Protein backbone atom coordinates (compact mmCIF):
# COMPACT_ATOMS: atom_id res chain seq x y z
CA MET A 1 -27.70 163.02 114.76
CA GLY A 2 -26.28 163.37 111.28
CA ASN A 3 -22.64 163.67 110.17
CA TRP A 4 -22.70 167.50 110.23
CA ASN A 5 -20.51 167.83 113.49
CA LYS A 6 -17.36 168.65 111.24
CA ALA A 7 -18.89 172.04 111.03
CA ASP A 8 -18.95 172.46 114.92
CA GLY A 9 -15.87 174.63 114.80
CA ILE A 10 -17.12 177.08 112.42
CA PHE A 11 -20.61 177.07 113.66
CA PRO A 12 -20.46 180.18 116.06
CA TRP A 13 -18.93 182.06 113.14
CA MET A 14 -21.74 181.03 110.70
CA VAL A 15 -24.37 182.02 113.32
CA GLU A 16 -22.67 185.55 113.87
CA LEU A 17 -22.60 185.99 109.96
CA ARG A 18 -26.11 185.03 109.53
CA ARG A 19 -27.39 187.37 112.30
CA SER A 20 -25.27 190.27 111.24
CA ILE A 21 -26.88 189.96 107.80
CA HIS A 22 -30.36 189.27 109.27
CA ARG A 23 -30.19 192.72 111.35
CA TYR A 24 -29.64 194.76 108.01
CA PRO A 25 -31.65 193.23 105.37
CA GLU A 26 -31.64 194.80 101.85
CA LEU A 27 -34.19 194.27 98.97
CA ALA A 28 -33.30 193.35 95.38
CA PHE A 29 -30.57 195.12 93.58
CA GLU A 30 -29.83 197.18 96.90
CA GLU A 31 -27.41 194.62 98.40
CA GLU A 32 -24.62 196.95 99.28
CA PHE A 33 -24.00 196.24 103.04
CA THR A 34 -24.64 192.45 102.38
CA ALA A 35 -22.02 192.31 99.67
CA LYS A 36 -19.65 194.14 101.83
CA ARG A 37 -20.20 191.73 104.61
CA LEU A 38 -19.71 188.85 102.66
CA MET A 39 -16.54 190.10 100.88
CA LYS A 40 -14.93 190.79 104.27
CA GLU A 41 -15.31 187.14 105.14
CA LEU A 42 -13.92 186.07 101.62
CA ASP A 43 -11.00 188.34 102.34
CA ARG A 44 -10.41 186.66 105.85
CA LEU A 45 -10.59 183.29 104.15
CA GLY A 46 -8.17 184.24 101.45
CA ILE A 47 -10.61 183.43 98.70
CA PRO A 48 -10.38 185.65 95.70
CA TYR A 49 -13.65 187.10 94.12
CA ASP A 50 -15.30 189.14 91.52
CA TYR A 51 -17.78 191.77 92.66
CA GLY A 52 -20.23 193.40 90.16
CA GLY A 53 -21.02 196.64 92.27
CA ILE A 54 -24.24 197.35 93.96
CA GLY A 55 -26.94 195.29 92.51
CA GLY A 56 -24.47 192.76 91.18
CA GLY A 57 -23.21 189.48 92.51
CA VAL A 58 -20.14 188.40 94.40
CA VAL A 59 -18.58 185.35 92.73
CA ALA A 60 -15.61 183.83 94.63
CA ARG A 61 -13.34 181.07 93.29
CA LEU A 62 -11.28 178.42 95.29
CA GLU A 63 -8.78 176.47 93.08
CA GLY A 64 -7.42 173.32 94.43
CA GLY A 65 -4.22 172.78 92.58
CA ARG A 66 -6.19 172.62 89.28
CA SER A 67 -8.51 174.73 87.29
CA GLN A 68 -10.83 171.97 86.02
CA PRO A 69 -13.40 170.75 86.52
CA ILE A 70 -15.50 173.55 87.98
CA VAL A 71 -18.61 173.35 90.19
CA ALA A 72 -20.59 176.21 91.54
CA LEU A 73 -22.49 176.74 94.93
CA ARG A 74 -25.13 179.45 95.06
CA ALA A 75 -26.86 181.66 97.82
CA GLU A 76 -29.09 184.57 97.36
CA MET A 77 -28.46 187.99 99.01
CA ASP A 78 -31.82 189.93 99.01
CA ALA A 79 -34.53 190.04 101.56
CA LEU A 80 -38.27 191.02 101.36
CA PRO A 81 -40.58 193.87 102.24
CA GLY A 82 -42.30 193.24 105.51
CA LYS A 83 -42.22 193.73 109.29
CA GLU A 84 -40.58 191.14 111.14
CA THR A 85 -42.69 189.87 114.08
CA THR A 86 -40.28 187.43 115.77
CA SER A 87 -38.89 188.28 119.12
CA ARG A 88 -35.22 187.34 118.29
CA PRO A 89 -32.64 189.79 119.59
CA PHE A 90 -31.07 190.10 116.12
CA ARG A 91 -34.43 190.77 114.44
CA SER A 92 -34.52 193.49 111.52
CA GLU A 93 -33.35 196.78 112.37
CA VAL A 94 -34.54 198.09 108.93
CA ALA A 95 -38.07 199.33 108.92
CA GLY A 96 -40.13 197.42 106.45
CA LYS A 97 -37.61 195.02 105.50
CA MET A 98 -36.85 191.42 106.70
CA HIS A 99 -35.24 188.09 105.73
CA ALA A 100 -38.36 186.17 105.54
CA CYS A 101 -37.16 183.67 103.08
CA GLY A 102 -34.04 182.35 104.72
CA HIS A 103 -31.60 183.87 102.33
CA ASP A 104 -29.42 185.10 105.43
CA ALA A 105 -29.09 181.35 106.20
CA HIS A 106 -28.12 180.35 102.65
CA MET A 107 -25.29 182.87 102.54
CA ALA A 108 -23.97 181.63 105.91
CA MET A 109 -24.15 178.02 104.77
CA VAL A 110 -22.20 178.79 101.49
CA MET A 111 -19.66 180.75 103.26
CA GLY A 112 -19.34 177.85 105.55
CA ALA A 113 -18.81 175.52 102.87
CA ALA A 114 -16.04 177.78 101.49
CA ALA A 115 -14.37 177.70 105.00
CA LEU A 116 -14.36 173.92 105.10
CA LEU A 117 -13.21 173.49 101.46
CA LYS A 118 -10.60 176.00 101.98
CA ALA A 119 -9.17 174.04 104.98
CA ASP A 120 -8.85 171.03 102.44
CA PRO A 121 -9.14 172.10 98.80
CA PRO A 122 -10.27 169.32 96.50
CA PRO A 123 -8.79 168.90 93.09
CA GLY A 124 -10.66 171.33 90.93
CA THR A 125 -12.23 174.65 91.12
CA VAL A 126 -15.40 175.63 93.40
CA GLN A 127 -17.19 178.82 92.76
CA PHE A 128 -19.19 180.61 95.36
CA ILE A 129 -22.06 182.50 93.96
CA PHE A 130 -23.65 185.29 96.21
CA GLN A 131 -26.32 186.49 93.80
CA PRO A 132 -28.61 189.66 94.00
CA ALA A 133 -32.38 189.85 93.46
CA GLU A 134 -33.84 186.25 93.63
CA GLU A 135 -37.14 187.62 94.97
CA ILE A 136 -37.84 189.78 92.00
CA GLY A 137 -35.75 190.78 88.92
CA GLY A 138 -34.09 187.53 88.38
CA GLY A 139 -30.67 188.34 89.74
CA ALA A 140 -29.35 184.86 88.59
CA ARG A 141 -29.23 186.37 85.05
CA GLU A 142 -27.02 189.26 86.08
CA VAL A 143 -24.42 186.68 87.33
CA LEU A 144 -24.84 184.79 84.20
CA LYS A 145 -24.31 187.65 82.01
CA THR A 146 -20.67 188.23 83.65
CA GLY A 147 -19.57 185.11 81.94
CA LEU A 148 -17.86 183.83 85.06
CA LEU A 149 -19.89 180.67 84.90
CA ASP A 150 -19.30 179.92 81.18
CA ASP A 151 -17.02 176.94 81.90
CA THR A 152 -18.84 175.65 85.01
CA GLU A 153 -19.96 172.04 84.80
CA ALA A 154 -22.64 171.98 87.50
CA VAL A 155 -24.50 174.29 89.88
CA PHE A 156 -25.94 173.27 93.25
CA GLY A 157 -28.46 175.41 95.41
CA ALA A 158 -30.43 174.77 98.41
CA HIS A 159 -33.36 176.40 100.23
CA VAL A 160 -34.43 176.21 104.04
CA THR A 161 -37.98 175.14 104.71
CA GLN A 162 -39.81 174.60 107.91
CA GLN A 163 -41.70 171.73 106.02
CA TYR A 164 -38.89 169.42 107.20
CA ILE A 165 -37.06 169.30 110.45
CA VAL A 166 -33.52 169.79 110.79
CA GLY A 167 -31.52 166.90 109.66
CA GLN A 168 -33.84 166.29 106.64
CA ILE A 169 -32.85 166.94 103.11
CA MET A 170 -35.29 166.63 100.09
CA THR A 171 -34.24 166.62 96.50
CA ALA A 172 -35.52 164.98 93.34
CA PRO A 173 -35.12 164.93 89.60
CA GLY A 174 -37.12 166.78 87.20
CA VAL A 175 -39.64 169.54 88.04
CA MET A 176 -39.03 171.24 91.41
CA THR A 177 -40.69 174.50 91.17
CA ALA A 178 -43.41 175.97 88.70
CA GLN A 179 -43.18 178.55 85.95
CA SER A 180 -44.48 181.82 86.99
CA ASP A 181 -46.14 184.46 84.91
CA ASN A 182 -48.08 187.65 85.82
CA PHE A 183 -50.91 189.16 83.78
CA ARG A 184 -52.81 192.45 83.61
CA ILE A 185 -56.45 192.82 82.26
CA ARG A 186 -57.63 196.38 81.47
CA ILE A 187 -61.42 196.76 80.99
CA LYS A 188 -62.72 199.81 79.12
CA GLY A 189 -66.45 200.38 79.21
CA SER A 190 -68.61 203.56 79.45
CA GLY A 191 -69.56 205.21 82.68
CA GLY A 192 -72.93 206.49 83.69
CA HIS A 193 -75.42 207.08 86.43
CA GLY A 194 -76.32 204.12 88.66
CA ALA A 195 -80.01 204.84 87.90
CA ARG A 196 -79.52 204.53 84.14
CA PRO A 197 -77.67 201.34 83.41
CA HIS A 198 -78.76 201.24 79.78
CA GLU A 199 -76.78 204.27 78.77
CA ALA A 200 -73.50 202.74 80.09
CA THR A 201 -71.32 199.61 79.76
CA ASP A 202 -70.38 198.31 83.25
CA ALA A 203 -66.68 197.41 83.58
CA ILE A 204 -67.35 195.64 86.86
CA ILE A 205 -69.67 193.39 85.23
CA VAL A 206 -67.03 192.47 82.78
CA ALA A 207 -64.50 192.00 85.65
CA GLY A 208 -66.84 189.84 87.74
CA LEU A 209 -67.60 187.53 84.66
CA LEU A 210 -63.84 187.04 84.06
CA ILE A 211 -63.04 186.54 87.65
CA THR A 212 -65.22 183.51 87.80
CA SER A 213 -64.81 182.14 84.06
CA ILE A 214 -61.00 182.25 84.37
CA GLN A 215 -61.01 179.48 87.24
CA THR A 216 -62.46 177.15 84.62
CA LEU A 217 -59.02 177.32 82.83
CA VAL A 218 -57.72 175.06 85.55
CA SER A 219 -60.83 173.22 86.48
CA ARG A 220 -62.07 172.31 83.03
CA GLU A 221 -59.33 172.93 80.47
CA SER A 222 -56.12 171.82 82.09
CA ASN A 223 -54.82 168.21 82.30
CA PRO A 224 -55.51 167.37 86.10
CA PHE A 225 -51.97 165.58 86.00
CA HIS A 226 -50.41 168.98 85.42
CA PRO A 227 -50.54 171.20 88.39
CA ASN A 228 -51.82 174.72 87.44
CA VAL A 229 -52.87 177.61 89.56
CA VAL A 230 -54.46 180.90 88.42
CA THR A 231 -54.87 183.55 90.93
CA ILE A 232 -56.51 187.04 90.66
CA GLY A 233 -54.77 188.91 93.25
CA ARG A 234 -55.82 192.55 92.72
CA VAL A 235 -59.02 194.12 91.57
CA GLN A 236 -59.45 197.89 90.90
CA ALA A 237 -62.68 199.49 89.82
CA GLY A 238 -65.26 202.21 90.55
CA SER A 239 -65.48 205.60 92.15
CA ALA A 240 -68.52 205.90 93.84
CA ALA A 241 -71.63 203.61 94.97
CA ASN A 242 -74.07 205.47 92.44
CA VAL A 243 -71.70 205.47 89.38
CA ILE A 244 -71.47 202.83 86.80
CA ALA A 245 -67.56 202.14 86.56
CA GLU A 246 -66.11 202.96 83.22
CA ASP A 247 -62.77 201.09 83.77
CA ALA A 248 -61.62 198.05 85.63
CA LEU A 249 -58.14 196.48 86.24
CA LEU A 250 -57.62 192.71 87.19
CA GLU A 251 -54.06 191.64 88.05
CA GLY A 252 -53.19 188.00 88.71
CA SER A 253 -50.59 185.19 88.17
CA VAL A 254 -50.33 182.00 86.65
CA ARG A 255 -48.24 179.06 88.01
CA THR A 256 -47.68 175.85 85.64
CA THR A 257 -45.38 173.05 85.48
CA ALA A 258 -45.40 172.05 81.84
CA PRO A 259 -45.03 174.24 78.71
CA ALA A 260 -48.25 172.89 77.09
CA ALA A 261 -50.26 173.52 80.21
CA ARG A 262 -48.81 177.01 80.48
CA ASN A 263 -49.52 177.77 76.74
CA ARG A 264 -52.95 176.78 77.09
CA VAL A 265 -53.83 178.72 80.16
CA LEU A 266 -52.27 181.89 78.66
CA ASN A 267 -54.17 181.43 75.35
CA GLY A 268 -57.26 180.67 77.23
CA LEU A 269 -56.83 183.92 79.30
CA GLU A 270 -56.72 185.99 76.10
CA ARG A 271 -59.73 184.09 74.59
CA MET A 272 -61.90 184.72 77.64
CA ALA A 273 -60.89 188.38 77.66
CA ARG A 274 -61.99 188.74 74.01
CA GLY A 275 -65.19 186.80 74.69
CA ALA A 276 -66.09 188.87 77.72
CA GLY A 277 -65.58 192.13 75.74
CA LEU A 278 -67.90 190.85 73.00
CA ILE A 279 -70.54 189.72 75.25
CA HIS A 280 -70.64 193.06 77.09
CA ASN A 281 -69.57 195.54 74.30
CA ALA A 282 -66.46 196.41 76.19
CA GLN A 283 -62.84 196.78 75.26
CA VAL A 284 -60.66 194.15 77.12
CA ASP A 285 -56.81 194.06 76.82
CA VAL A 286 -54.50 191.45 78.31
CA GLU A 287 -50.77 192.06 79.21
CA PHE A 288 -48.47 189.26 80.20
CA GLN A 289 -45.33 189.66 82.13
CA GLU A 290 -43.06 186.37 81.91
CA GLY A 291 -41.84 185.23 85.25
CA TYR A 292 -39.23 182.55 86.19
CA PRO A 293 -39.05 179.48 84.27
CA PRO A 294 -39.55 176.18 86.18
CA VAL A 295 -36.54 174.65 88.05
CA ILE A 296 -35.69 171.41 86.45
CA ASN A 297 -33.05 169.28 88.11
CA THR A 298 -30.90 167.26 85.87
CA ALA A 299 -30.68 163.46 86.76
CA ASN A 300 -26.84 163.20 87.17
CA GLU A 301 -26.68 166.17 89.50
CA THR A 302 -29.55 164.96 91.55
CA ASP A 303 -27.81 161.63 92.12
CA LEU A 304 -24.81 163.51 93.18
CA ALA A 305 -26.89 165.60 95.58
CA ARG A 306 -28.80 162.75 96.99
CA LEU A 307 -25.38 161.10 97.61
CA ALA A 308 -24.01 164.11 99.39
CA ALA A 309 -27.13 164.50 101.43
CA ALA A 310 -26.79 160.81 102.49
CA GLU A 311 -23.24 161.33 103.60
CA VAL A 312 -24.38 164.31 105.83
CA VAL A 313 -27.86 163.19 107.17
CA GLY A 314 -27.86 159.48 106.66
CA THR A 315 -30.39 157.74 104.49
CA GLN A 316 -32.93 158.06 107.12
CA GLY A 317 -32.62 161.83 106.61
CA LEU A 318 -33.50 161.76 103.08
CA VAL A 319 -37.03 163.00 102.30
CA GLU A 320 -39.00 162.14 99.23
CA MET A 321 -41.02 164.75 97.28
CA ASP A 322 -44.56 164.58 97.33
CA PHE A 323 -45.27 166.88 94.46
CA PRO A 324 -43.27 169.99 92.97
CA SER A 325 -43.66 173.31 94.75
CA MET A 326 -45.94 175.94 92.82
CA GLY A 327 -43.73 178.57 94.03
CA SER A 328 -40.98 179.91 91.63
CA GLU A 329 -37.11 180.36 91.84
CA ASP A 330 -34.69 182.11 89.68
CA PHE A 331 -32.11 179.24 90.00
CA SER A 332 -34.02 178.00 86.94
CA TYR A 333 -31.79 180.33 84.92
CA TYR A 334 -28.70 178.71 85.94
CA LEU A 335 -30.42 175.38 85.08
CA GLU A 336 -31.22 176.54 81.62
CA LYS A 337 -27.46 176.80 80.75
CA ILE A 338 -25.62 174.45 83.44
CA PRO A 339 -26.63 170.97 84.76
CA GLY A 340 -27.39 171.17 88.42
CA CYS A 341 -29.79 170.52 91.28
CA TYR A 342 -31.95 172.53 93.76
CA THR A 343 -32.37 171.11 97.16
CA ARG A 344 -34.50 171.69 100.38
CA LEU A 345 -33.09 171.67 103.89
CA GLY A 346 -35.21 171.11 106.95
CA ALA A 347 -34.98 174.15 109.10
CA ARG A 348 -37.62 173.47 111.77
CA THR A 349 -36.92 172.24 115.33
CA ARG A 350 -38.72 168.99 116.04
CA GLY A 351 -42.04 169.36 117.73
CA GLN A 352 -42.70 172.92 116.67
CA ASP A 353 -45.43 173.99 114.27
CA PRO A 354 -44.08 174.94 110.91
CA VAL A 355 -43.91 178.60 109.85
CA ALA A 356 -44.34 179.36 106.16
CA LEU A 357 -41.71 181.04 103.98
CA HIS A 358 -42.33 184.86 103.49
CA SER A 359 -44.27 185.01 106.89
CA PRO A 360 -43.04 187.93 109.09
CA ALA A 361 -42.83 185.24 111.87
CA PHE A 362 -40.36 183.03 109.72
CA ASP A 363 -37.29 181.86 111.49
CA ILE A 364 -34.88 178.98 111.45
CA ASP A 365 -33.31 176.51 113.84
CA GLU A 366 -29.83 177.61 113.31
CA GLU A 367 -28.45 173.95 113.66
CA VAL A 368 -29.48 173.87 109.84
CA LEU A 369 -26.45 175.96 109.01
CA LYS A 370 -24.23 173.18 109.84
CA VAL A 371 -26.18 170.82 107.84
CA GLY A 372 -26.15 173.21 104.88
CA ALA A 373 -22.47 173.81 104.99
CA CYS A 374 -21.78 170.29 105.14
CA TYR A 375 -23.91 169.48 102.34
CA PHE A 376 -22.63 172.17 100.05
CA GLU A 377 -19.10 171.02 100.89
CA GLN A 378 -19.95 167.40 100.25
CA VAL A 379 -21.53 167.88 97.05
CA ALA A 380 -18.85 170.04 95.70
CA ARG A 381 -16.17 167.42 96.78
CA ASP A 382 -18.41 164.58 95.24
CA ALA A 383 -19.16 166.38 91.87
CA LEU A 384 -15.51 167.29 91.47
CA ALA A 385 -14.31 163.77 91.84
CA THR A 386 -17.18 162.56 89.54
CA TYR A 387 -16.24 164.99 86.60
CA ALA A 388 -12.52 164.54 87.10
CA ASN A 389 -13.15 160.83 86.26
């Protein structure tokens, strides 16, 4: 058992908050009920806040007798599309939406930390960020645009995961998650009768060549020490069995952890698209949609996070990172401007099989709410003490 029992008194309240939000999930930039629910609790705690309106963030501010230094704790408000398959009595009551990524837990944790800090304010200022649209749209940028974080010295975030059990915390300096980019490849050939292929240019042949060739960007053109993933997630072509397709569409994603590797893969995609078009006399165009940058923890703030984690779960609860996640996170936008650290919190009951994030069956052991609240509180106190000195 770790040192998170100091949250025992607020545990039922955090559970109720998490469950009420879980019942009424809202997608990115639609977080109206969620924001109102959070503001109600901030009012109850007597912590002032700024609200950006529907689709904006809620940023609260607790001053402990002095305005400087300033540290921030971040949680996300949005849910995901999907039909929840858990049998929990508080499962989603909104068709086609659910909290499959644990953001409901993150909000309860940061609010719990706010309650603990309010009871004994540290010298300095703590900001509590409840941001919209982490899953899509990069809601972190909307919070940064407000200027409310312009003087913030550090920002800390955390994410639940069933990779680890409750009472385990993982953090590390450097790259934590990958850069994500999406691409769309449009292929224009010329249609024709399936019996007369010499009169047509088959867009499906070009698509097939690209589907297999693109994978060599990882297997034969990328440094194996830099993890990369290229995925074709959608293929669209053809209208009938006896018609040669005139058009084809490929949509996919690229995940990289190093700028040089990213540039090589994206440039390679364009080169292969041009080459496939030349080989088969087709027009091939590539469009890129830049995704979230990689999450890169800063060294000093990672040290603070590890110290706080050890104070909460003990050194035996600290978990080393085997390798960066190839997922992506818009916490990266904060870290482009503010030093900080992104941490993972074990949310699985010992002995149970893990369930992946974004699964319709995803759930947490709610004991992690106490761990998260105590971690956020402790890292805020430790960071303020360090920066004050």
